[in-house]
Amino acid sequence: MPIYVAIVEDDKHYNQALKKIIDFDSELECVGQFYSAREAEKHLVEQDPDVVLMDIKLPDKTGIELVAHFSGDMPETRFIMCTSFEDDAYVYDALRAGAVGYLTKGETMDKIIAAIKESYQGGAPMSSNIARKVISFFHQVKENPLQQLTKTESEVLELLATGMSYQQIADKKFVSLDTIKKHICNIYRKLHVNNKIEAINLLTKNHKL
């Protein structure tokens, strides 16, 4: 039984090239090609692929948002980002969203085929430059977990440490109270803390280092 693969890629030429190499391999079968997030949202689940090659820059939504959207409904499907973007934020956000692999479009087609099979077998295939970024990131996190926070989350935590209330922070940032509450939840989750005091203590401790 072949490994069923779907492609979400708005570049028609690259999408078609991926389909050709997938179908050329006797162990793989392309069961779906999608050129936009909207198409994928309509039909990807019914295709029930084992592996999805996902671009990041789509015309109507990011591939990262799609991975986050589908991860709950398709827990057995392995998502591999296949993109030209190498920014740290894209890499980490994609992995947090549920992607198991991250390839850059400069990779050979043989590497992409190997990555599909590796992910299906439980691996986490990455381009070598992306793997180095991930290793560096976890070294930084081990030394300072605050590195995981986005710029906005860091600012919210700093304001929280000054004694401001959620509403005061929302007013200062010109956003809704619900938005601030979501930032706080993300901060607690990323720092593995349960409350404001623990988060502030962690912030104070790392500022002293």
Protein backbone atom coordinates (compact mmCIF):
# COMPACT_ATOMS: atom_id res chain seq x y z
CA MET A 1 0.00 0.00 0.00
CA PRO A 2 1.55 3.32 -1.05
CA ILE A 3 2.09 6.37 1.11
CA TYR A 4 -0.63 8.86 0.18
CA VAL A 5 0.68 12.40 -0.30
CA ALA A 6 -1.09 15.72 -0.83
CA ILE A 7 0.47 18.98 -2.01
CA VAL A 8 -0.56 22.49 -0.96
CA GLU A 9 1.45 24.85 -3.16
CA ASP A 10 0.30 27.91 -5.11
CA ASP A 11 3.17 27.81 -7.64
CA LYS A 12 1.59 25.63 -10.33
CA HIS A 13 4.89 24.60 -11.91
CA TYR A 14 6.44 23.53 -8.61
CA ASN A 15 3.20 21.85 -7.54
CA GLN A 16 3.17 19.84 -10.75
CA ALA A 17 6.87 18.99 -10.44
CA LEU A 18 6.26 17.62 -6.95
CA LYS A 19 3.34 15.51 -8.21
CA LYS A 20 5.48 14.01 -10.98
CA ILE A 21 8.28 12.88 -8.67
CA ILE A 22 5.79 11.53 -6.12
CA ASP A 23 3.88 9.49 -8.69
CA PHE A 24 7.15 8.28 -10.25
CA ASP A 25 8.06 6.55 -6.98
CA SER A 26 6.27 3.22 -6.62
CA GLU A 27 6.01 3.66 -2.83
CA LEU A 28 4.14 6.97 -3.08
CA GLU A 29 0.89 8.24 -4.57
CA CYS A 30 -0.28 11.84 -4.93
CA VAL A 31 -3.93 11.97 -3.83
CA GLY A 32 -4.46 15.72 -3.98
CA GLN A 33 -3.08 18.97 -5.37
CA PHE A 34 -4.22 22.28 -3.90
CA TYR A 35 -3.23 25.76 -5.01
CA SER A 36 -4.79 27.78 -2.20
CA ALA A 37 -5.71 27.49 1.45
CA ARG A 38 -9.37 27.66 0.54
CA GLU A 39 -9.13 24.60 -1.71
CA ALA A 40 -7.24 22.70 0.96
CA GLU A 41 -9.75 23.61 3.65
CA LYS A 42 -12.56 22.26 1.47
CA HIS A 43 -11.05 18.96 0.36
CA LEU A 44 -7.87 17.98 2.23
CA VAL A 45 -9.57 16.08 5.05
CA GLU A 46 -11.60 13.91 2.67
CA GLN A 47 -8.41 12.97 0.79
CA ASP A 48 -6.99 11.63 4.09
CA PRO A 49 -3.31 11.82 3.07
CA ASP A 50 -0.53 10.26 5.12
CA VAL A 51 1.81 13.17 4.38
CA VAL A 52 1.20 16.75 3.24
CA LEU A 53 3.80 18.97 1.60
CA MET A 54 2.77 22.46 2.71
CA ASP A 55 3.93 25.80 1.34
CA ILE A 56 3.93 28.76 3.74
CA LYS A 57 3.14 31.69 1.49
CA LEU A 58 -0.31 31.04 0.06
CA PRO A 59 -2.53 33.74 -1.49
CA ASP A 60 -5.32 33.55 1.10
CA LYS A 61 -3.75 32.18 4.29
CA THR A 62 -0.38 30.93 5.50
CA GLY A 63 0.53 27.28 5.44
CA ILE A 64 1.33 27.56 9.13
CA GLU A 65 -2.27 28.56 9.84
CA LEU A 66 -3.45 25.59 7.78
CA VAL A 67 -1.26 23.16 9.72
CA ALA A 68 -2.63 24.50 13.00
CA HIS A 69 -6.16 24.22 11.58
CA PHE A 70 -5.79 20.62 10.37
CA SER A 71 -3.68 19.17 13.18
CA GLY A 72 -6.69 18.49 15.38
CA ASP A 73 -8.81 16.93 12.64
CA MET A 74 -5.97 14.95 11.05
CA PRO A 75 -3.83 13.66 13.93
CA GLU A 76 -2.31 10.83 11.87
CA THR A 77 -1.26 13.07 8.97
CA ARG A 78 2.35 14.28 8.86
CA PHE A 79 2.83 17.87 7.68
CA ILE A 80 6.11 18.93 6.08
CA MET A 81 6.68 22.59 5.31
CA CYS A 82 8.22 22.98 1.85
CA THR A 83 9.01 26.65 1.34
CA SER A 84 11.55 29.26 0.32
CA PHE A 85 11.26 31.02 3.70
CA GLU A 86 14.04 30.34 6.21
CA ASP A 87 13.20 33.00 8.82
CA ASP A 88 13.49 31.80 12.42
CA ALA A 89 9.94 32.88 13.21
CA TYR A 90 8.47 30.84 10.33
CA VAL A 91 10.43 27.75 11.34
CA TYR A 92 9.46 27.86 15.01
CA ASP A 93 5.84 28.83 14.35
CA ALA A 94 5.47 25.98 11.86
CA LEU A 95 6.84 23.41 14.29
CA ARG A 96 4.68 24.77 17.11
CA ALA A 97 1.64 24.55 14.83
CA GLY A 98 2.23 20.85 14.31
CA ALA A 99 4.58 20.44 11.35
CA VAL A 100 7.00 17.51 11.70
CA GLY A 101 9.45 18.66 9.05
CA TYR A 102 10.75 21.75 7.31
CA LEU A 103 12.39 21.73 3.88
CA THR A 104 13.60 24.62 1.77
CA LYS A 105 12.77 24.65 -1.92
CA GLY A 106 16.44 24.45 -2.83
CA GLU A 107 16.45 20.80 -1.80
CA THR A 108 16.75 18.13 -4.49
CA MET A 109 13.71 16.14 -5.45
CA ASP A 110 15.43 13.01 -4.10
CA LYS A 111 15.73 14.71 -0.71
CA ILE A 112 12.03 15.60 -0.76
CA ILE A 113 11.04 12.02 -1.57
CA ALA A 114 13.29 10.73 1.23
CA ALA A 115 11.75 13.29 3.61
CA ILE A 116 8.22 12.10 2.81
CA LYS A 117 9.18 8.50 3.61
CA GLU A 118 11.11 9.54 6.72
CA SER A 119 8.18 11.52 8.12
CA TYR A 120 5.78 8.66 7.42
CA GLN A 121 8.05 6.40 9.47
CA GLY A 122 7.95 8.84 12.38
CA GLY A 123 10.97 10.98 11.56
CA ALA A 124 11.35 14.76 11.48
CA PRO A 125 13.08 15.65 8.20
CA MET A 126 14.66 19.08 7.89
CA SER A 127 17.03 20.86 5.57
CA SER A 128 20.48 21.01 7.19
CA ASN A 129 20.35 24.80 7.62
CA ILE A 130 16.93 24.53 9.30
CA ALA A 131 18.15 21.77 11.62
CA ARG A 132 20.99 24.03 12.74
CA LYS A 133 18.50 26.79 13.53
CA VAL A 134 16.38 24.42 15.62
CA ILE A 135 19.37 23.10 17.57
CA SER A 136 20.56 26.65 18.23
CA PHE A 137 17.08 27.66 19.37
CA PHE A 138 16.82 24.85 21.92
CA HIS A 139 20.25 25.66 23.28
CA GLN A 140 19.07 29.24 23.82
CA VAL A 141 15.81 28.10 25.41
CA LYS A 142 17.70 25.87 27.83
CA GLU A 143 19.74 28.87 28.94
CA ASN A 144 16.87 31.35 28.86
CA PRO A 145 13.26 30.15 28.31
CA LEU A 146 12.17 33.76 27.70
CA GLN A 147 13.72 33.40 24.24
CA GLN A 148 10.58 31.53 23.23
CA LEU A 149 8.38 34.58 23.63
CA THR A 150 7.46 36.81 20.72
CA LYS A 151 8.27 40.52 20.92
CA THR A 152 4.67 41.32 21.88
CA GLU A 153 4.55 38.59 24.52
CA SER A 154 7.79 39.88 26.04
CA GLU A 155 6.37 43.40 26.18
CA VAL A 156 3.17 42.13 27.84
CA LEU A 157 5.18 40.21 30.45
CA GLU A 158 7.33 43.28 31.16
CA LEU A 159 4.20 45.39 31.70
CA LEU A 160 2.69 42.68 33.88
CA ALA A 161 5.83 42.78 36.02
CA THR A 162 5.35 46.51 36.64
CA GLY A 163 2.06 45.75 38.39
CA MET A 164 -0.29 46.74 35.57
CA SER A 165 -3.61 44.93 35.30
CA TYR A 166 -4.72 43.09 32.17
CA GLN A 167 -7.07 45.96 31.31
CA GLN A 168 -4.34 48.56 31.78
CA ILE A 169 -2.03 46.60 29.49
CA ALA A 170 -4.80 46.29 26.91
CA ASP A 171 -5.37 50.05 27.01
CA LYS A 172 -1.66 50.75 26.68
CA LYS A 173 -1.28 48.36 23.73
CA PHE A 174 -4.54 49.58 22.11
CA VAL A 175 -5.95 46.04 21.92
CA SER A 176 -8.86 44.21 23.50
CA LEU A 177 -8.78 42.59 26.91
CA ASP A 178 -9.33 39.19 25.27
CA THR A 179 -6.21 39.71 23.15
CA ILE A 180 -4.12 40.35 26.26
CA LYS A 181 -5.59 37.28 27.94
CA LYS A 182 -4.56 35.18 24.93
CA HIS A 183 -1.03 36.59 25.14
CA ILE A 184 -0.90 35.74 28.84
CA CYS A 185 -2.05 32.17 28.17
CA ASN A 186 0.65 31.79 25.52
CA ILE A 187 3.27 33.18 27.92
CA TYR A 188 2.30 30.72 30.66
CA ARG A 189 2.31 27.81 28.20
CA LYS A 190 5.70 28.66 26.70
CA LEU A 191 7.35 29.27 30.07
CA HIS A 192 5.68 26.25 31.70
CA VAL A 193 4.32 28.32 34.56
CA ASN A 194 0.86 28.38 36.12
CA ASN A 195 0.39 31.97 37.22
CA LYS A 196 1.55 35.56 37.08
CA ILE A 197 3.90 35.28 40.07
CA GLU A 198 5.82 32.36 38.55
CA ALA A 199 6.13 34.15 35.22
CA ILE A 200 7.38 37.37 36.83
CA ASN A 201 9.84 35.43 39.00
CA LEU A 202 11.24 33.77 35.89
CA LEU A 203 11.56 37.16 34.20
CA THR A 204 13.34 38.65 37.22
CA LYS A 205 15.68 35.67 37.52
CA ASN A 206 16.77 35.88 33.88
CA HIS A 207 17.27 39.63 34.05
CA LYS A 208 19.75 39.05 36.84
CA LEU A 209 21.78 36.53 34.82
